[in-house]
């Protein structure tokens, strides 16, 4: 007869390990995404707040 208890414990343990790895990866991706968004927003604000016009810079449609 199959040892369903052993199979269940094996599956539950492997699933817990996989879920832990997925959660760690997801958290890292969220952190990276937030840092990239902040960098983009900061750069956009720097660009918008720059009042000095460069005569050699082509006109940009805004």
Protein backbone atom coordinates (compact mmCIF):
# COMPACT_ATOMS: atom_id res chain seq x y z
CA UNK A 1 0.00 0.00 0.00
CA UNK A 2 1.25 3.49 -0.86
CA UNK A 3 2.53 5.59 2.01
CA UNK A 4 0.28 8.60 1.46
CA UNK A 5 1.45 10.27 4.64
CA UNK A 6 5.09 10.23 3.46
CA UNK A 7 4.04 11.46 0.01
CA UNK A 8 2.04 14.30 1.57
CA UNK A 9 4.91 15.37 3.83
CA UNK A 10 7.32 15.25 0.90
CA UNK A 11 5.01 17.34 -1.29
CA UNK A 12 4.18 19.82 1.48
CA UNK A 13 7.88 20.31 2.27
CA UNK A 14 8.84 20.87 -1.36
CA UNK A 15 5.93 23.24 -1.88
CA UNK A 16 6.89 25.26 1.20
CA UNK A 17 10.45 25.58 -0.10
CA UNK A 18 9.19 26.66 -3.53
CA UNK A 19 6.78 29.21 -2.02
CA UNK A 20 9.57 30.66 0.14
CA UNK A 21 11.80 31.04 -2.92
CA UNK A 22 8.98 32.61 -4.92
CA UNK A 23 8.20 35.09 -2.14
CA UNK A 24 11.88 36.08 -1.86
CA UNK A 25 12.12 36.57 -5.63
CA UNK A 26 8.89 38.53 -5.75
CA UNK A 27 10.04 40.82 -2.93
CA UNK A 28 13.33 41.43 -4.72
CA UNK A 29 11.50 42.25 -7.94
CA UNK A 30 9.20 44.67 -6.11
CA UNK A 31 12.21 46.40 -4.51
CA UNK A 32 14.02 46.67 -7.85
CA UNK A 33 10.90 47.99 -9.57
CA UNK A 34 10.40 50.65 -6.90
CA UNK A 35 14.03 51.78 -7.19
CA UNK A 36 13.75 52.05 -10.98
CA UNK A 37 10.50 54.03 -10.70
CA UNK A 38 12.10 56.41 -8.20
CA UNK A 39 15.12 56.91 -10.47
CA UNK A 40 12.83 57.65 -13.42
CA UNK A 41 10.66 60.07 -11.43
CA UNK A 42 13.67 61.89 -10.00
CA UNK A 43 15.22 62.26 -13.43
CA UNK A 44 11.94 63.51 -14.90
CA UNK A 45 11.64 66.08 -12.10
CA UNK A 46 15.23 67.19 -12.70
CA UNK A 47 14.47 67.62 -16.40
CA UNK A 48 11.22 69.51 -15.79
CA UNK A 49 12.77 71.78 -13.16
CA UNK A 50 15.77 72.64 -15.33
CA UNK A 51 15.10 76.21 -16.43
CA UNK A 52 18.39 76.67 -18.25
CA UNK A 53 17.94 76.30 -21.99
CA UNK A 54 20.79 74.90 -24.06
CA UNK A 55 20.98 76.72 -27.42
CA UNK A 56 22.52 73.64 -29.05
CA UNK A 57 19.75 71.36 -27.79
CA UNK A 58 16.99 70.60 -30.33
CA UNK A 59 13.44 71.65 -29.51
CA UNK A 60 11.45 68.94 -27.79
CA UNK A 61 7.72 68.55 -28.22
CA UNK A 62 6.14 68.58 -24.79
